[in-house]
Amino acid sequence: MIENIVKKLMKGKTFTCQGYGLTITYKVNVNVKIDSRHWKGEYKYIDLNIKVIECVRRYSNREITLFKNGRANKSDYRDVQDIVRHDMNKWVSPIFSTNFYRNCYTLLTHLTEIRINRYTYS
């Protein structure tokens, strides 16, 4: 039930966020895994896969498009992940009363957990 709500919230929408001099445009794909091996019942794991469509770093007099033609550092990837996670927390936290952390599931409801699983750069 809750996974259908999460899918409808994120399906077909493009999100934009800013931070650290970056402007990021991304989409969210929702995958649901059901694990019925627990003694409590069926556990549902919701994985959110982030696809970064466009990322622009703004300097004082120019703009650089990142992740095109291999123009990115390791710190750029970390910055993008931090900004996207913070933006997701800003609008998901009031609705579902949960936060996203790096590489771990958080409890969404009783027997349902959610996390940001993978980042894809295009």
N, C-alpha and C. Protein backbone atom coordinates (compact mmCIF):
# COMPACT_ATOMS: atom_id res chain seq x y z
N MET A 1 0.82 -1.19 0.00
CA MET A 1 0.00 0.00 0.00
C MET A 1 0.87 1.26 0.00
N ILE A 2 1.79 1.34 0.96
CA ILE A 2 2.63 2.54 1.05
C ILE A 2 3.58 2.65 -0.15
N GLU A 3 3.98 1.50 -0.69
CA GLU A 3 4.88 1.53 -1.86
C GLU A 3 4.17 2.10 -3.08
N ASN A 4 2.86 1.91 -3.18
CA ASN A 4 2.09 2.51 -4.29
C ASN A 4 2.05 4.03 -4.15
N ILE A 5 1.95 4.51 -2.94
CA ILE A 5 1.95 5.95 -2.70
C ILE A 5 3.30 6.55 -3.07
N VAL A 6 4.39 5.87 -2.68
CA VAL A 6 5.73 6.36 -3.01
C VAL A 6 5.93 6.36 -4.53
N LYS A 7 5.47 5.33 -5.20
CA LYS A 7 5.60 5.27 -6.66
C LYS A 7 4.83 6.41 -7.33
N LYS A 8 3.61 6.67 -6.88
CA LYS A 8 2.81 7.74 -7.49
C LYS A 8 3.41 9.11 -7.22
N LEU A 9 4.02 9.27 -6.06
CA LEU A 9 4.65 10.56 -5.74
C LEU A 9 5.82 10.87 -6.66
N MET A 10 6.57 9.84 -7.07
CA MET A 10 7.82 10.06 -7.79
C MET A 10 7.77 9.70 -9.26
N LYS A 11 6.72 9.08 -9.73
CA LYS A 11 6.66 8.60 -11.10
C LYS A 11 6.55 9.75 -12.10
N GLY A 12 7.48 9.76 -13.04
CA GLY A 12 7.43 10.72 -14.15
C GLY A 12 7.76 12.15 -13.80
N LYS A 13 8.26 12.42 -12.60
CA LYS A 13 8.58 13.78 -12.21
C LYS A 13 10.08 14.02 -12.30
N THR A 14 10.43 15.24 -12.62
CA THR A 14 11.82 15.67 -12.64
C THR A 14 12.01 16.67 -11.52
N PHE A 15 13.02 16.44 -10.70
CA PHE A 15 13.31 17.28 -9.55
C PHE A 15 14.57 18.09 -9.81
N THR A 16 14.62 19.30 -9.25
CA THR A 16 15.79 20.16 -9.38
C THR A 16 16.18 20.66 -8.00
N CYS A 17 17.49 20.64 -7.73
CA CYS A 17 17.99 21.13 -6.44
C CYS A 17 19.31 21.85 -6.66
N GLN A 18 19.68 22.66 -5.67
CA GLN A 18 20.91 23.44 -5.74
C GLN A 18 21.68 23.35 -4.44
N GLY A 19 22.99 23.47 -4.55
CA GLY A 19 23.85 23.48 -3.39
C GLY A 19 25.30 23.34 -3.81
N TYR A 20 26.21 23.87 -3.01
CA TYR A 20 27.66 23.81 -3.28
C TYR A 20 28.02 24.38 -4.66
N GLY A 21 27.23 25.28 -5.18
CA GLY A 21 27.48 25.83 -6.51
C GLY A 21 27.00 24.93 -7.63
N LEU A 22 26.28 23.86 -7.32
CA LEU A 22 25.78 22.92 -8.31
C LEU A 22 24.27 23.09 -8.49
N THR A 23 23.82 22.91 -9.71
CA THR A 23 22.39 22.81 -10.01
C THR A 23 22.17 21.44 -10.61
N ILE A 24 21.35 20.63 -9.96
CA ILE A 24 21.19 19.23 -10.32
C ILE A 24 19.74 18.97 -10.70
N THR A 25 19.55 18.29 -11.82
CA THR A 25 18.23 17.84 -12.26
C THR A 25 18.26 16.32 -12.24
N TYR A 26 17.27 15.71 -11.56
CA TYR A 26 17.28 14.25 -11.42
C TYR A 26 15.88 13.67 -11.45
N LYS A 27 15.80 12.38 -11.71
CA LYS A 27 14.56 11.61 -11.65
C LYS A 27 14.75 10.47 -10.66
N VAL A 28 13.62 9.95 -10.15
CA VAL A 28 13.65 8.87 -9.17
C VAL A 28 12.87 7.67 -9.72
N ASN A 29 13.52 6.50 -9.67
CA ASN A 29 12.87 5.25 -10.04
C ASN A 29 12.68 4.43 -8.77
N VAL A 30 11.48 3.89 -8.57
CA VAL A 30 11.14 3.17 -7.34
C VAL A 30 11.09 1.67 -7.63
N ASN A 31 11.84 0.88 -6.86
CA ASN A 31 11.79 -0.58 -6.94
C ASN A 31 11.39 -1.13 -5.58
N VAL A 32 10.55 -2.15 -5.57
CA VAL A 32 10.07 -2.76 -4.33
C VAL A 32 10.46 -4.23 -4.31
N LYS A 33 11.09 -4.65 -3.20
CA LYS A 33 11.42 -6.06 -3.00
C LYS A 33 10.61 -6.55 -1.79
N ILE A 34 10.06 -7.75 -1.90
CA ILE A 34 9.28 -8.32 -0.81
C ILE A 34 10.04 -9.53 -0.28
N ASP A 35 10.26 -9.55 1.03
CA ASP A 35 10.96 -10.64 1.69
C ASP A 35 10.00 -11.28 2.68
N SER A 36 9.63 -12.52 2.42
CA SER A 36 8.63 -13.19 3.27
C SER A 36 9.27 -14.21 4.21
N ARG A 37 10.58 -14.13 4.44
CA ARG A 37 11.25 -15.10 5.30
C ARG A 37 11.23 -14.74 6.77
N HIS A 38 10.74 -13.56 7.11
CA HIS A 38 10.75 -13.12 8.50
C HIS A 38 9.56 -13.72 9.25
N TRP A 39 9.73 -13.92 10.52
CA TRP A 39 8.67 -14.50 11.34
C TRP A 39 7.54 -13.52 11.61
N LYS A 40 7.79 -12.22 11.42
CA LYS A 40 6.76 -11.21 11.65
C LYS A 40 5.80 -11.08 10.47
N GLY A 41 6.22 -11.49 9.30
CA GLY A 41 5.38 -11.33 8.12
C GLY A 41 6.21 -10.91 6.94
N GLU A 42 5.60 -10.30 5.95
CA GLU A 42 6.30 -9.86 4.75
C GLU A 42 6.96 -8.51 4.99
N TYR A 43 8.28 -8.46 4.80
CA TYR A 43 9.00 -7.20 4.84
C TYR A 43 9.04 -6.65 3.42
N LYS A 44 8.84 -5.37 3.28
CA LYS A 44 8.94 -4.70 1.99
C LYS A 44 10.10 -3.72 2.05
N TYR A 45 10.98 -3.83 1.07
CA TYR A 45 12.12 -2.95 0.96
C TYR A 45 11.93 -2.09 -0.28
N ILE A 46 11.91 -0.78 -0.09
CA ILE A 46 11.73 0.16 -1.19
C ILE A 46 13.09 0.77 -1.51
N ASP A 47 13.56 0.54 -2.73
CA ASP A 47 14.83 1.10 -3.18
C ASP A 47 14.54 2.24 -4.15
N LEU A 48 15.14 3.38 -3.89
CA LEU A 48 15.01 4.53 -4.77
C LEU A 48 16.29 4.67 -5.58
N ASN A 49 16.19 4.57 -6.89
CA ASN A 49 17.33 4.73 -7.77
C ASN A 49 17.27 6.12 -8.38
N ILE A 50 18.32 6.89 -8.17
CA ILE A 50 18.38 8.28 -8.62
C ILE A 50 19.13 8.33 -9.95
N LYS A 51 18.53 8.96 -10.95
CA LYS A 51 19.20 9.18 -12.23
C LYS A 51 19.44 10.67 -12.39
N VAL A 52 20.70 11.08 -12.35
CA VAL A 52 21.06 12.49 -12.51
C VAL A 52 21.06 12.80 -14.00
N ILE A 53 20.15 13.66 -14.41
CA ILE A 53 19.99 13.99 -15.81
C ILE A 53 20.99 15.07 -16.22
N GLU A 54 21.09 16.11 -15.40
CA GLU A 54 21.98 17.22 -15.72
C GLU A 54 22.56 17.78 -14.44
N CYS A 55 23.83 18.13 -14.50
CA CYS A 55 24.50 18.71 -13.35
C CYS A 55 25.42 19.82 -13.85
N VAL A 56 25.21 21.03 -13.36
CA VAL A 56 25.98 22.19 -13.79
C VAL A 56 26.63 22.84 -12.57
N ARG A 57 27.94 23.03 -12.64
CA ARG A 57 28.65 23.75 -11.58
C ARG A 57 28.84 25.18 -12.05
N ARG A 58 28.41 26.11 -11.21
CA ARG A 58 28.48 27.52 -11.57
C ARG A 58 29.65 28.19 -10.84
N TYR A 59 30.48 28.80 -11.64
CA TYR A 59 31.55 29.64 -11.10
C TYR A 59 31.14 31.09 -11.32
N SER A 60 31.98 32.03 -10.93
CA SER A 60 31.60 33.43 -11.02
C SER A 60 31.37 33.89 -12.46
N ASN A 61 32.13 33.37 -13.40
CA ASN A 61 31.98 33.87 -14.76
C ASN A 61 31.69 32.77 -15.79
N ARG A 62 31.51 31.52 -15.34
CA ARG A 62 31.26 30.45 -16.31
C ARG A 62 30.50 29.29 -15.66
N GLU A 63 30.03 28.41 -16.51
CA GLU A 63 29.32 27.21 -16.06
C GLU A 63 30.00 25.99 -16.67
N ILE A 64 30.14 24.94 -15.88
CA ILE A 64 30.72 23.69 -16.35
C ILE A 64 29.69 22.59 -16.16
N THR A 65 29.42 21.85 -17.23
CA THR A 65 28.50 20.71 -17.15
C THR A 65 29.31 19.50 -16.72
N LEU A 66 28.92 18.91 -15.58
CA LEU A 66 29.63 17.75 -15.06
C LEU A 66 29.05 16.46 -15.61
N PHE A 67 29.83 15.41 -15.54
CA PHE A 67 29.46 14.05 -15.94
C PHE A 67 29.23 13.92 -17.43
N LYS A 68 29.68 14.87 -18.20
CA LYS A 68 29.66 14.75 -19.66
C LYS A 68 31.12 14.65 -20.10
N ASN A 69 31.44 13.69 -20.93
CA ASN A 69 32.80 13.48 -21.45
C ASN A 69 33.82 13.27 -20.35
N GLY A 70 33.41 12.66 -19.25
CA GLY A 70 34.34 12.31 -18.17
C GLY A 70 34.89 13.49 -17.39
N ARG A 71 34.13 14.57 -17.26
CA ARG A 71 34.61 15.76 -16.58
C ARG A 71 34.07 15.83 -15.16
N ALA A 72 34.55 14.95 -14.29
CA ALA A 72 34.11 15.00 -12.90
C ALA A 72 35.16 14.37 -12.01
N ASN A 73 35.25 14.88 -10.80
CA ASN A 73 36.15 14.33 -9.78
C ASN A 73 35.36 13.47 -8.82
N LYS A 74 36.09 12.77 -7.97
CA LYS A 74 35.43 11.95 -6.94
C LYS A 74 34.63 12.84 -5.99
N SER A 75 35.13 14.02 -5.71
CA SER A 75 34.41 14.92 -4.81
C SER A 75 33.12 15.45 -5.45
N ASP A 76 33.08 15.55 -6.78
CA ASP A 76 31.85 15.95 -7.45
C ASP A 76 30.76 14.93 -7.25
N TYR A 77 31.11 13.65 -7.34
CA TYR A 77 30.12 12.59 -7.12
C TYR A 77 29.58 12.65 -5.68
N ARG A 78 30.46 12.84 -4.73
CA ARG A 78 30.03 12.93 -3.33
C ARG A 78 29.15 14.15 -3.09
N ASP A 79 29.52 15.29 -3.69
CA ASP A 79 28.71 16.50 -3.55
C ASP A 79 27.31 16.29 -4.10
N VAL A 80 27.21 15.67 -5.27
CA VAL A 80 25.90 15.43 -5.88
C VAL A 80 25.07 14.51 -4.99
N GLN A 81 25.67 13.45 -4.46
CA GLN A 81 24.93 12.54 -3.60
C GLN A 81 24.45 13.23 -2.34
N ASP A 82 25.28 14.08 -1.74
CA ASP A 82 24.88 14.81 -0.54
C ASP A 82 23.74 15.78 -0.82
N ILE A 83 23.82 16.49 -1.93
CA ILE A 83 22.79 17.48 -2.27
C ILE A 83 21.46 16.79 -2.57
N VAL A 84 21.50 15.71 -3.34
CA VAL A 84 20.27 15.00 -3.68
C VAL A 84 19.64 14.38 -2.43
N ARG A 85 20.45 13.79 -1.57
CA ARG A 85 19.92 13.20 -0.34
C ARG A 85 19.30 14.27 0.55
N HIS A 86 19.94 15.42 0.64
CA HIS A 86 19.39 16.52 1.44
C HIS A 86 18.07 17.02 0.85
N ASP A 87 18.01 17.14 -0.47
CA ASP A 87 16.78 17.59 -1.12
C ASP A 87 15.65 16.57 -0.92
N MET A 88 15.96 15.29 -1.03
CA MET A 88 14.95 14.26 -0.80
C MET A 88 14.46 14.31 0.65
N ASN A 89 15.37 14.53 1.59
CA ASN A 89 14.98 14.63 3.00
C ASN A 89 14.05 15.82 3.24
N LYS A 90 14.29 16.94 2.53
CA LYS A 90 13.48 18.14 2.73
C LYS A 90 12.02 17.91 2.40
N TRP A 91 11.73 17.16 1.36
CA TRP A 91 10.32 17.01 1.01
C TRP A 91 9.74 15.66 1.38
N VAL A 92 10.56 14.65 1.68
CA VAL A 92 10.03 13.35 2.11
C VAL A 92 9.80 13.32 3.61
N SER A 93 10.63 14.00 4.38
CA SER A 93 10.51 13.96 5.85
C SER A 93 9.16 14.44 6.37
N PRO A 94 8.61 15.54 5.89
CA PRO A 94 7.29 15.94 6.41
C PRO A 94 6.16 14.99 6.02
N ILE A 95 6.28 14.32 4.88
CA ILE A 95 5.22 13.44 4.42
C ILE A 95 5.25 12.10 5.15
N PHE A 96 6.43 11.47 5.18
CA PHE A 96 6.54 10.11 5.71
C PHE A 96 7.23 10.05 7.07
N SER A 97 7.72 11.16 7.58
CA SER A 97 8.37 11.24 8.87
C SER A 97 9.54 10.27 9.00
N THR A 98 10.42 10.30 7.98
CA THR A 98 11.64 9.52 7.98
C THR A 98 12.73 10.31 7.28
N ASN A 99 13.98 9.92 7.47
CA ASN A 99 15.12 10.56 6.83
C ASN A 99 15.92 9.52 6.07
N PHE A 100 16.62 9.97 5.02
CA PHE A 100 17.53 9.10 4.28
C PHE A 100 18.93 9.29 4.81
N TYR A 101 19.64 8.18 4.95
CA TYR A 101 21.04 8.20 5.35
C TYR A 101 21.85 7.51 4.26
N ARG A 102 23.15 7.58 4.37
CA ARG A 102 24.01 7.00 3.37
C ARG A 102 24.08 5.49 3.52
N ASN A 103 23.67 4.76 2.50
CA ASN A 103 23.80 3.30 2.38
C ASN A 103 23.13 2.50 3.48
N CYS A 104 21.97 2.90 3.95
CA CYS A 104 21.26 2.06 4.91
C CYS A 104 19.75 2.32 4.78
N TYR A 105 19.00 1.29 5.16
CA TYR A 105 17.55 1.39 5.15
C TYR A 105 17.07 2.14 6.40
N THR A 106 15.97 2.86 6.25
CA THR A 106 15.30 3.48 7.39
C THR A 106 13.85 3.01 7.41
N LEU A 107 13.28 2.96 8.58
CA LEU A 107 11.93 2.45 8.75
C LEU A 107 10.91 3.46 8.24
N LEU A 108 10.08 3.01 7.33
CA LEU A 108 9.03 3.86 6.77
C LEU A 108 7.72 3.59 7.50
N THR A 109 7.32 2.36 7.57
CA THR A 109 6.17 1.92 8.37
C THR A 109 6.54 0.59 9.01
N HIS A 110 5.64 0.04 9.78
CA HIS A 110 5.87 -1.28 10.38
C HIS A 110 6.03 -2.32 9.27
N LEU A 111 7.14 -2.93 9.10
CA LEU A 111 7.45 -3.93 8.07
C LEU A 111 7.79 -3.34 6.71
N THR A 112 8.02 -2.05 6.59
CA THR A 112 8.43 -1.43 5.34
C THR A 112 9.63 -0.53 5.59
N GLU A 113 10.70 -0.73 4.80
CA GLU A 113 11.91 0.08 4.93
C GLU A 113 12.24 0.70 3.59
N ILE A 114 12.93 1.84 3.63
CA ILE A 114 13.23 2.60 2.41
C ILE A 114 14.67 3.09 2.46
N ARG A 115 15.28 3.23 1.27
CA ARG A 115 16.63 3.81 1.16
C ARG A 115 16.88 4.31 -0.25
N ILE A 116 17.88 5.17 -0.38
CA ILE A 116 18.36 5.57 -1.69
C ILE A 116 19.42 4.56 -2.06
N ASN A 117 19.18 3.81 -3.12
CA ASN A 117 20.00 2.66 -3.44
C ASN A 117 21.17 3.01 -4.36
N ARG A 118 20.88 3.60 -5.51
CA ARG A 118 21.90 3.77 -6.53
C ARG A 118 21.76 5.12 -7.21
N TYR A 119 22.91 5.68 -7.60
CA TYR A 119 22.95 6.92 -8.37
C TYR A 119 23.49 6.58 -9.75
N THR A 120 22.81 7.08 -10.78
CA THR A 120 23.25 6.89 -12.16
C THR A 120 23.42 8.27 -12.78
N TYR A 121 24.54 8.44 -13.47
CA TYR A 121 24.86 9.74 -14.06
C TYR A 121 24.82 9.62 -15.58
N SER A 122 24.10 10.55 -16.23
CA SER A 122 24.05 10.51 -17.69
C SER A 122 24.55 11.79 -18.30
